[in-house]
Every structure is written in C-alpha cells, then in structure tokens.
C-alpha cells in the first residue's frame, strides 16, 4: 500500500476516533442544560479518565501533519489537509482557552461554585464548538482523499 494511502487512513481513523468523544458532548448538551446543580455534578463524573483522549487528539494531529508532508506536491489535497490541521488546532485552542479553565475552577466538576450555571454554559458550548471543529477536520480530510491525484 502506498505511503500516502497509509497516512490518509491513519489520519482519518484517529480524527474519527477523536470526534467520537466530541460528538458525545454535543449530543448530551440539550439534556444536560436542564439538570439541577447536584444532578449536573453527578453526571459530570462520567468523564473521569477522558483526559487520556488527549493522546488520540495529538496522534491525529501528528498523523495529519505527516499527511501534509506526504501530499505537499498536490496543491488541492494539501490545502484541505491544512484546513484539517487548522481545525484540529482550533479545537485545542477552544479547549485550553474555555473548557480547561472551567475544569480547573470546578475541580473537574467536583465543586459547584456559585456561578456554576455560567460555567456550565461555557463548558458545554466550548465542547460543542470543539465538536464542530473536529467534524470540519474530518470532512476536510475526506475531501483531501477525494481530490488527491492518483499515480
């Protein structure tokens, strides 16, 4: 199998795996916004250990960077791979700028501060934005395969 095919498959699979968690957050959002404070704290405990998903996200980024190097001579494919990279990076910026500080302030949702409802909005919608960005990365990667020149 050609190197470009392997790189594309690895990048696509890792990005798809990363998006699974992001979409879980997105799909849960409407129901979680209706929970009381104590219910919300209870539900948030299901995310213990999810920080390990960071490994998948950074592996997806590394694989996509490798793919960019491999397709660098194919302008249309390269542009789409770069869009995917930018979307993955943007999702990380959203996480570190908006989600992570909330995790710190709430001690990973084991403490419910007085302004918890504003923190919940910030946490939930930052995850929703991340899901949209991750999906955009996946879509760009799929498109890059479709426009790639076969030799």
N, C-alpha and C. Protein backbone atom coordinates (compact mmCIF):
# COMPACT_ATOMS: atom_id res chain seq x y z
N UNK A 1 0.86 -1.18 0.00
CA UNK A 1 0.00 0.00 0.00
C UNK A 1 0.90 1.23 0.00
N UNK A 2 0.54 2.18 -0.79
CA UNK A 2 1.35 3.40 -0.89
C UNK A 2 1.35 4.18 0.41
N UNK A 3 2.45 4.86 0.64
CA UNK A 3 2.65 5.65 1.86
C UNK A 3 1.53 6.67 2.06
N UNK A 4 1.08 7.32 1.00
CA UNK A 4 0.02 8.32 1.10
C UNK A 4 -1.29 7.68 1.54
N UNK A 5 -1.57 6.48 1.09
CA UNK A 5 -2.79 5.79 1.49
C UNK A 5 -2.75 5.44 2.98
N UNK A 6 -1.62 4.94 3.43
CA UNK A 6 -1.48 4.60 4.85
C UNK A 6 -1.63 5.86 5.71
N UNK A 7 -0.96 6.93 5.32
CA UNK A 7 -1.04 8.19 6.07
C UNK A 7 -2.48 8.72 6.11
N UNK A 8 -3.17 8.61 4.99
CA UNK A 8 -4.57 9.07 4.94
C UNK A 8 -5.46 8.24 5.87
N UNK A 9 -5.29 6.94 5.82
CA UNK A 9 -6.10 6.06 6.66
C UNK A 9 -5.85 6.33 8.14
N UNK A 10 -4.59 6.44 8.52
CA UNK A 10 -4.25 6.68 9.93
C UNK A 10 -4.82 8.03 10.38
N UNK A 11 -4.63 9.05 9.56
CA UNK A 11 -5.13 10.38 9.91
C UNK A 11 -6.66 10.37 10.03
N UNK A 12 -7.33 9.75 9.08
CA UNK A 12 -8.80 9.68 9.11
C UNK A 12 -9.30 8.91 10.33
N UNK A 13 -8.70 7.76 10.60
CA UNK A 13 -9.17 6.95 11.73
C UNK A 13 -8.94 7.64 13.07
N UNK A 14 -7.78 8.24 13.25
CA UNK A 14 -7.51 8.93 14.51
C UNK A 14 -8.41 10.15 14.68
N UNK A 15 -8.64 10.88 13.60
CA UNK A 15 -9.54 12.04 13.67
C UNK A 15 -10.96 11.60 13.95
N UNK A 16 -11.39 10.50 13.34
CA UNK A 16 -12.74 9.96 13.60
C UNK A 16 -12.87 9.51 15.05
N UNK A 17 -11.83 8.88 15.58
CA UNK A 17 -11.87 8.46 16.98
C UNK A 17 -11.95 9.67 17.92
N UNK A 18 -11.22 10.70 17.60
CA UNK A 18 -11.26 11.92 18.42
C UNK A 18 -12.63 12.59 18.37
N UNK A 19 -13.26 12.54 17.21
CA UNK A 19 -14.56 13.20 17.07
C UNK A 19 -15.66 12.46 17.83
N UNK A 20 -15.47 11.18 18.09
CA UNK A 20 -16.48 10.40 18.81
C UNK A 20 -16.78 11.02 20.17
N UNK A 21 -15.75 11.36 20.91
CA UNK A 21 -15.93 11.97 22.22
C UNK A 21 -16.54 13.37 22.09
N UNK A 22 -16.08 14.10 21.09
CA UNK A 22 -16.61 15.46 20.89
C UNK A 22 -18.10 15.42 20.59
N UNK A 23 -18.51 14.47 19.76
CA UNK A 23 -19.93 14.37 19.43
C UNK A 23 -20.76 13.88 20.61
N UNK A 24 -20.16 13.08 21.47
CA UNK A 24 -20.88 12.66 22.68
C UNK A 24 -21.27 13.89 23.49
N UNK A 25 -20.32 14.80 23.66
CA UNK A 25 -20.61 16.05 24.39
C UNK A 25 -21.72 16.84 23.69
N UNK A 26 -21.63 16.94 22.39
CA UNK A 26 -22.61 17.71 21.62
C UNK A 26 -24.01 17.12 21.76
N UNK A 27 -24.12 15.82 21.66
CA UNK A 27 -25.43 15.16 21.75
C UNK A 27 -26.03 15.23 23.16
N UNK A 28 -25.18 15.27 24.17
CA UNK A 28 -25.65 15.33 25.56
C UNK A 28 -26.09 16.74 25.98
N UNK A 29 -25.61 17.74 25.26
CA UNK A 29 -25.80 19.14 25.66
C UNK A 29 -27.25 19.50 26.00
N UNK A 30 -28.24 19.24 25.15
CA UNK A 30 -29.59 19.70 25.48
C UNK A 30 -30.13 19.14 26.79
N UNK A 31 -29.89 17.87 27.03
CA UNK A 31 -30.39 17.26 28.27
C UNK A 31 -29.63 17.76 29.49
N UNK A 32 -28.32 17.94 29.34
CA UNK A 32 -27.51 18.37 30.48
C UNK A 32 -27.80 19.80 30.89
N UNK A 33 -28.24 20.63 29.96
CA UNK A 33 -28.54 22.02 30.29
C UNK A 33 -29.78 22.14 31.19
N UNK A 34 -30.56 21.09 31.28
CA UNK A 34 -31.78 21.11 32.10
C UNK A 34 -31.56 20.55 33.50
N UNK A 35 -30.38 20.03 33.79
CA UNK A 35 -30.12 19.39 35.07
C UNK A 35 -29.92 20.41 36.18
N UNK A 36 -30.30 20.02 37.38
CA UNK A 36 -30.01 20.84 38.56
C UNK A 36 -28.51 20.75 38.85
N UNK A 37 -28.04 21.58 39.76
CA UNK A 37 -26.63 21.59 40.10
C UNK A 37 -26.14 20.24 40.60
N UNK A 38 -26.86 19.63 41.52
CA UNK A 38 -26.42 18.33 42.06
C UNK A 38 -26.49 17.24 40.99
N UNK A 39 -27.50 17.28 40.14
CA UNK A 39 -27.59 16.30 39.05
C UNK A 39 -26.43 16.48 38.07
N UNK A 40 -26.12 17.74 37.79
CA UNK A 40 -25.05 18.02 36.85
C UNK A 40 -23.70 17.53 37.39
N UNK A 41 -23.45 17.77 38.68
CA UNK A 41 -22.21 17.27 39.28
C UNK A 41 -22.12 15.75 39.18
N UNK A 42 -23.22 15.08 39.41
CA UNK A 42 -23.24 13.61 39.32
C UNK A 42 -22.93 13.15 37.90
N UNK A 43 -23.61 13.74 36.93
CA UNK A 43 -23.43 13.35 35.53
C UNK A 43 -22.00 13.62 35.06
N UNK A 44 -21.42 14.72 35.49
CA UNK A 44 -20.08 15.09 35.03
C UNK A 44 -19.01 14.07 35.45
N UNK A 45 -19.30 13.26 36.44
CA UNK A 45 -18.32 12.28 36.89
C UNK A 45 -18.08 11.17 35.87
N UNK A 46 -18.95 11.05 34.88
CA UNK A 46 -18.73 10.03 33.84
C UNK A 46 -17.50 10.34 32.99
N UNK A 47 -16.99 11.56 33.07
CA UNK A 47 -15.85 11.96 32.26
C UNK A 47 -14.50 11.69 32.92
N UNK A 48 -14.50 11.06 34.07
CA UNK A 48 -13.23 10.72 34.71
C UNK A 48 -12.44 9.81 33.78
N UNK A 49 -11.20 10.16 33.56
CA UNK A 49 -10.34 9.37 32.69
C UNK A 49 -10.36 9.79 31.23
N UNK A 50 -11.28 10.69 30.87
CA UNK A 50 -11.37 11.12 29.47
C UNK A 50 -10.16 11.93 29.04
N UNK A 51 -9.36 12.39 29.98
CA UNK A 51 -8.18 13.16 29.60
C UNK A 51 -7.22 12.33 28.75
N UNK A 52 -7.33 11.01 28.84
CA UNK A 52 -6.50 10.14 28.01
C UNK A 52 -6.81 10.30 26.52
N UNK A 53 -7.98 10.86 26.21
CA UNK A 53 -8.31 11.11 24.80
C UNK A 53 -7.38 12.14 24.18
N UNK A 54 -6.70 12.90 25.02
CA UNK A 54 -5.71 13.84 24.51
C UNK A 54 -4.65 13.14 23.68
N UNK A 55 -4.33 11.91 24.05
CA UNK A 55 -3.34 11.13 23.29
C UNK A 55 -3.84 10.93 21.86
N UNK A 56 -5.12 10.59 21.72
CA UNK A 56 -5.71 10.37 20.40
C UNK A 56 -5.72 11.66 19.59
N UNK A 57 -6.08 12.76 20.24
CA UNK A 57 -6.14 14.04 19.54
C UNK A 57 -4.76 14.45 19.02
N UNK A 58 -3.75 14.32 19.87
CA UNK A 58 -2.40 14.71 19.44
C UNK A 58 -1.84 13.72 18.42
N UNK A 59 -2.24 12.46 18.51
CA UNK A 59 -1.84 11.48 17.48
C UNK A 59 -2.50 11.83 16.15
N UNK A 60 -3.76 12.25 16.19
CA UNK A 60 -4.46 12.67 14.96
C UNK A 60 -3.76 13.88 14.35
N UNK A 61 -3.37 14.81 15.19
CA UNK A 61 -2.67 15.99 14.69
C UNK A 61 -1.33 15.60 14.06
N UNK A 62 -0.59 14.73 14.73
CA UNK A 62 0.71 14.29 14.20
C UNK A 62 0.53 13.55 12.88
N UNK A 63 -0.46 12.67 12.82
CA UNK A 63 -0.70 11.92 11.58
C UNK A 63 -1.12 12.85 10.45
N UNK A 64 -1.88 13.87 10.77
CA UNK A 64 -2.33 14.81 9.75
C UNK A 64 -1.18 15.70 9.29
N UNK A 65 -0.30 16.06 10.19
CA UNK A 65 0.91 16.80 9.80
C UNK A 65 1.77 15.95 8.87
N UNK A 66 1.91 14.66 9.19
CA UNK A 66 2.67 13.76 8.33
C UNK A 66 2.02 13.66 6.95
N UNK A 67 0.70 13.59 6.94
CA UNK A 67 -0.02 13.54 5.67
C UNK A 67 0.24 14.80 4.84
N UNK A 68 0.28 15.94 5.50
CA UNK A 68 0.56 17.20 4.78
C UNK A 68 1.93 17.15 4.11
N UNK A 69 2.89 16.60 4.79
CA UNK A 69 4.23 16.49 4.21
C UNK A 69 4.20 15.57 2.99
N UNK A 70 3.46 14.47 3.11
CA UNK A 70 3.41 13.50 2.03
C UNK A 70 2.69 14.05 0.79
N UNK A 71 1.64 14.85 0.99
CA UNK A 71 0.88 15.37 -0.17
C UNK A 71 1.29 16.79 -0.56
N UNK A 72 2.41 17.25 -0.05
CA UNK A 72 2.81 18.64 -0.27
C UNK A 72 2.91 19.04 -1.74
N UNK A 73 3.14 18.09 -2.62
CA UNK A 73 3.24 18.43 -4.05
C UNK A 73 1.88 18.45 -4.74
N UNK A 74 0.83 18.07 -4.03
CA UNK A 74 -0.53 18.06 -4.60
C UNK A 74 -1.32 19.21 -3.96
N UNK A 75 -1.31 20.34 -4.63
CA UNK A 75 -1.83 21.58 -4.07
C UNK A 75 -3.25 21.47 -3.50
N UNK A 76 -4.18 20.88 -4.24
CA UNK A 76 -5.58 20.81 -3.78
C UNK A 76 -5.70 19.94 -2.53
N UNK A 77 -5.05 18.79 -2.54
CA UNK A 77 -5.09 17.91 -1.37
C UNK A 77 -4.41 18.57 -0.18
N UNK A 78 -3.28 19.20 -0.43
CA UNK A 78 -2.54 19.86 0.65
C UNK A 78 -3.38 20.94 1.32
N UNK A 79 -4.06 21.74 0.52
CA UNK A 79 -4.90 22.81 1.10
C UNK A 79 -5.94 22.22 2.06
N UNK A 80 -6.56 21.14 1.66
CA UNK A 80 -7.58 20.52 2.51
C UNK A 80 -6.97 19.90 3.77
N UNK A 81 -5.81 19.31 3.64
CA UNK A 81 -5.13 18.75 4.81
C UNK A 81 -4.74 19.89 5.77
N UNK A 82 -4.32 21.00 5.24
CA UNK A 82 -4.00 22.16 6.08
C UNK A 82 -5.25 22.67 6.79
N UNK A 83 -6.38 22.69 6.10
CA UNK A 83 -7.64 23.06 6.75
C UNK A 83 -7.92 22.11 7.91
N UNK A 84 -7.71 20.83 7.71
CA UNK A 84 -7.92 19.84 8.78
C UNK A 84 -7.00 20.13 9.97
N UNK A 85 -5.74 20.41 9.69
CA UNK A 85 -4.79 20.73 10.75
C UNK A 85 -5.25 21.96 11.52
N UNK A 86 -5.65 22.99 10.80
CA UNK A 86 -6.11 24.23 11.45
C UNK A 86 -7.34 23.98 12.31
N UNK A 87 -8.24 23.12 11.85
CA UNK A 87 -9.44 22.81 12.63
C UNK A 87 -9.10 22.03 13.90
N UNK A 88 -8.17 21.09 13.80
CA UNK A 88 -7.75 20.34 14.99
C UNK A 88 -7.08 21.27 15.99
N UNK A 89 -6.22 22.14 15.49
CA UNK A 89 -5.54 23.10 16.37
C UNK A 89 -6.56 24.07 16.98
N UNK A 90 -7.50 24.55 16.18
CA UNK A 90 -8.53 25.47 16.70
C UNK A 90 -9.36 24.80 17.79
N UNK A 91 -9.68 23.52 17.61
CA UNK A 91 -10.43 22.78 18.64
C UNK A 91 -9.63 22.73 19.93
N UNK A 92 -8.32 22.58 19.82
CA UNK A 92 -7.47 22.56 21.02
C UNK A 92 -7.41 23.95 21.67
N UNK A 93 -7.35 24.97 20.85
CA UNK A 93 -7.36 26.33 21.40
C UNK A 93 -8.65 26.58 22.18
N UNK A 94 -9.77 26.17 21.61
CA UNK A 94 -11.06 26.32 22.31
C UNK A 94 -11.02 25.55 23.63
N UNK A 95 -10.52 24.32 23.60
CA UNK A 95 -10.46 23.53 24.83
C UNK A 95 -9.61 24.22 25.89
N UNK A 96 -8.40 24.60 25.54
CA UNK A 96 -7.48 25.17 26.54
C UNK A 96 -7.89 26.58 26.98
N UNK A 97 -8.57 27.32 26.12
CA UNK A 97 -8.98 28.68 26.47
C UNK A 97 -10.30 28.73 27.24
N UNK A 98 -11.20 27.79 26.97
CA UNK A 98 -12.53 27.87 27.56
C UNK A 98 -12.90 26.67 28.45
N UNK A 99 -12.64 25.46 27.99
CA UNK A 99 -13.06 24.28 28.73
C UNK A 99 -12.15 24.01 29.93
N UNK A 100 -10.87 23.96 29.69
CA UNK A 100 -9.91 23.62 30.74
C UNK A 100 -9.99 24.55 31.94
N UNK A 101 -10.08 25.88 31.74
CA UNK A 101 -10.20 26.76 32.92
C UNK A 101 -11.44 26.44 33.78
N UNK A 102 -12.53 26.03 33.12
CA UNK A 102 -13.72 25.64 33.88
C UNK A 102 -13.44 24.37 34.67
N UNK A 103 -12.75 23.43 34.05
CA UNK A 103 -12.38 22.21 34.77
C UNK A 103 -11.56 22.54 36.00
N UNK A 104 -10.64 23.49 35.87
CA UNK A 104 -9.81 23.90 36.99
C UNK A 104 -10.63 24.57 38.08
N UNK A 105 -11.51 25.47 37.67
CA UNK A 105 -12.32 26.22 38.65
C UNK A 105 -13.30 25.33 39.41
N UNK A 106 -13.76 24.29 38.77
CA UNK A 106 -14.73 23.39 39.41
C UNK A 106 -14.08 22.10 39.93
N UNK A 107 -12.75 22.06 39.89
CA UNK A 107 -12.01 20.86 40.24
C UNK A 107 -12.61 19.65 39.53
N UNK A 108 -12.68 19.78 38.21
CA UNK A 108 -13.28 18.75 37.34
C UNK A 108 -14.70 18.39 37.77
N UNK A 109 -15.45 19.42 38.03
CA UNK A 109 -16.87 19.29 38.39
C UNK A 109 -17.10 18.43 39.63
N UNK A 110 -16.22 18.64 40.62
CA UNK A 110 -16.47 18.04 41.93
C UNK A 110 -16.89 19.11 42.93
N UNK A 111 -16.73 20.37 42.51
CA UNK A 111 -17.12 21.53 43.32
C UNK A 111 -18.08 22.37 42.48
N UNK A 112 -19.14 22.85 43.11
CA UNK A 112 -20.13 23.64 42.39
C UNK A 112 -20.07 25.09 42.88
N UNK A 113 -19.32 25.95 42.17
CA UNK A 113 -19.24 27.36 42.58
C UNK A 113 -20.60 28.05 42.44
N UNK A 114 -20.72 29.21 43.05
CA UNK A 114 -21.97 29.96 42.99
C UNK A 114 -22.41 30.26 41.56
N UNK A 115 -21.48 30.57 40.69
CA UNK A 115 -21.79 30.91 39.30
C UNK A 115 -21.68 29.67 38.39
N UNK A 116 -22.02 28.51 38.89
CA UNK A 116 -21.87 27.24 38.17
C UNK A 116 -22.65 27.22 36.86
N UNK A 117 -23.78 27.91 36.81
CA UNK A 117 -24.58 27.88 35.58
C UNK A 117 -23.85 28.57 34.42
N UNK A 118 -23.15 29.66 34.70
CA UNK A 118 -22.36 30.31 33.66
C UNK A 118 -21.19 29.41 33.24
N UNK A 119 -20.61 28.74 34.23
CA UNK A 119 -19.51 27.81 33.92
C UNK A 119 -20.02 26.63 33.09
N UNK A 120 -21.20 26.15 33.41
CA UNK A 120 -21.78 25.04 32.64
C UNK A 120 -21.98 25.47 31.18
N UNK A 121 -22.52 26.66 30.97
CA UNK A 121 -22.73 27.16 29.60
C UNK A 121 -21.40 27.21 28.87
N UNK A 122 -20.40 27.76 29.53
CA UNK A 122 -19.08 27.88 28.90
C UNK A 122 -18.51 26.50 28.58
N UNK A 123 -18.64 25.56 29.51
CA UNK A 123 -18.09 24.21 29.33
C UNK A 123 -18.81 23.47 28.20
N UNK A 124 -20.12 23.50 28.25
CA UNK A 124 -20.91 22.75 27.26
C UNK A 124 -20.75 23.33 25.85
N UNK A 125 -20.81 24.64 25.73
CA UNK A 125 -20.74 25.24 24.40
C UNK A 125 -19.31 25.25 23.84
N UNK A 126 -18.32 25.25 24.71
CA UNK A 126 -16.95 25.12 24.20
C UNK A 126 -16.75 23.71 23.66
N UNK A 127 -17.34 22.72 24.30
CA UNK A 127 -17.27 21.36 23.75
C UNK A 127 -18.05 21.27 22.44
N UNK A 128 -19.16 21.95 22.34
CA UNK A 128 -19.93 21.96 21.08
C UNK A 128 -19.11 22.59 19.96
N UNK A 129 -18.44 23.68 20.25
CA UNK A 129 -17.58 24.32 19.24
C UNK A 129 -16.45 23.38 18.84
N UNK A 130 -15.88 22.69 19.80
CA UNK A 130 -14.83 21.71 19.50
C UNK A 130 -15.34 20.60 18.60
N UNK A 131 -16.57 20.14 18.83
CA UNK A 131 -17.16 19.09 18.01
C UNK A 131 -17.31 19.56 16.56
N UNK A 132 -17.76 20.78 16.39
CA UNK A 132 -17.92 21.33 15.04
C UNK A 132 -16.56 21.43 14.35
N UNK A 133 -15.56 21.87 15.08
CA UNK A 133 -14.21 21.98 14.51
C UNK A 133 -13.63 20.60 14.17
N UNK A 134 -13.84 19.64 15.06
CA UNK A 134 -13.34 18.28 14.79
C UNK A 134 -14.05 17.68 13.58
N UNK A 135 -15.36 17.90 13.47
CA UNK A 135 -16.10 17.41 12.31
C UNK A 135 -15.58 18.06 11.03
N UNK A 136 -15.29 19.35 11.10
CA UNK A 136 -14.76 20.07 9.95
C UNK A 136 -13.41 19.49 9.54
N UNK A 137 -12.59 19.12 10.52
CA UNK A 137 -11.30 18.50 10.21
C UNK A 137 -11.50 17.17 9.49
N UNK A 138 -12.43 16.38 10.00
CA UNK A 138 -12.71 15.09 9.36
C UNK A 138 -13.23 15.27 7.93
N UNK A 139 -14.13 16.22 7.74
CA UNK A 139 -14.67 16.49 6.41
C UNK A 139 -13.56 16.94 5.46
N UNK A 140 -12.66 17.79 5.93
CA UNK A 140 -11.56 18.25 5.08
C UNK A 140 -10.63 17.09 4.71
N UNK A 141 -10.40 16.18 5.65
CA UNK A 141 -9.55 15.02 5.35
C UNK A 141 -10.20 14.12 4.31
N UNK A 142 -11.50 13.89 4.45
CA UNK A 142 -12.21 13.08 3.46
C UNK A 142 -12.12 13.75 2.09
N UNK A 143 -12.34 15.04 2.05
CA UNK A 143 -12.26 15.78 0.79
C UNK A 143 -10.85 15.71 0.20
N UNK A 144 -9.84 15.74 1.06
CA UNK A 144 -8.46 15.67 0.56
C UNK A 144 -8.18 14.34 -0.14
N UNK A 145 -8.80 13.29 0.34
CA UNK A 145 -8.64 11.98 -0.31
C UNK A 145 -9.34 12.01 -1.67
N UNK A 146 -10.49 12.64 -1.74
CA UNK A 146 -11.26 12.67 -2.98
C UNK A 146 -10.60 13.49 -4.08
N UNK A 147 -9.85 14.53 -3.71
CA UNK A 147 -9.21 15.37 -4.74
C UNK A 147 -7.77 14.96 -5.01
N UNK A 148 -7.27 14.04 -4.25
CA UNK A 148 -5.87 13.63 -4.40
C UNK A 148 -5.62 13.00 -5.76
N UNK A 149 -4.48 13.30 -6.30
CA UNK A 149 -4.09 12.74 -7.59
C UNK A 149 -3.59 11.32 -7.36
N UNK A 150 -4.04 10.41 -8.20
CA UNK A 150 -3.55 9.04 -8.10
C UNK A 150 -2.50 8.81 -9.16
N UNK A 151 -1.46 8.19 -8.77
CA UNK A 151 -0.34 7.94 -9.71
C UNK A 151 0.01 6.49 -9.68
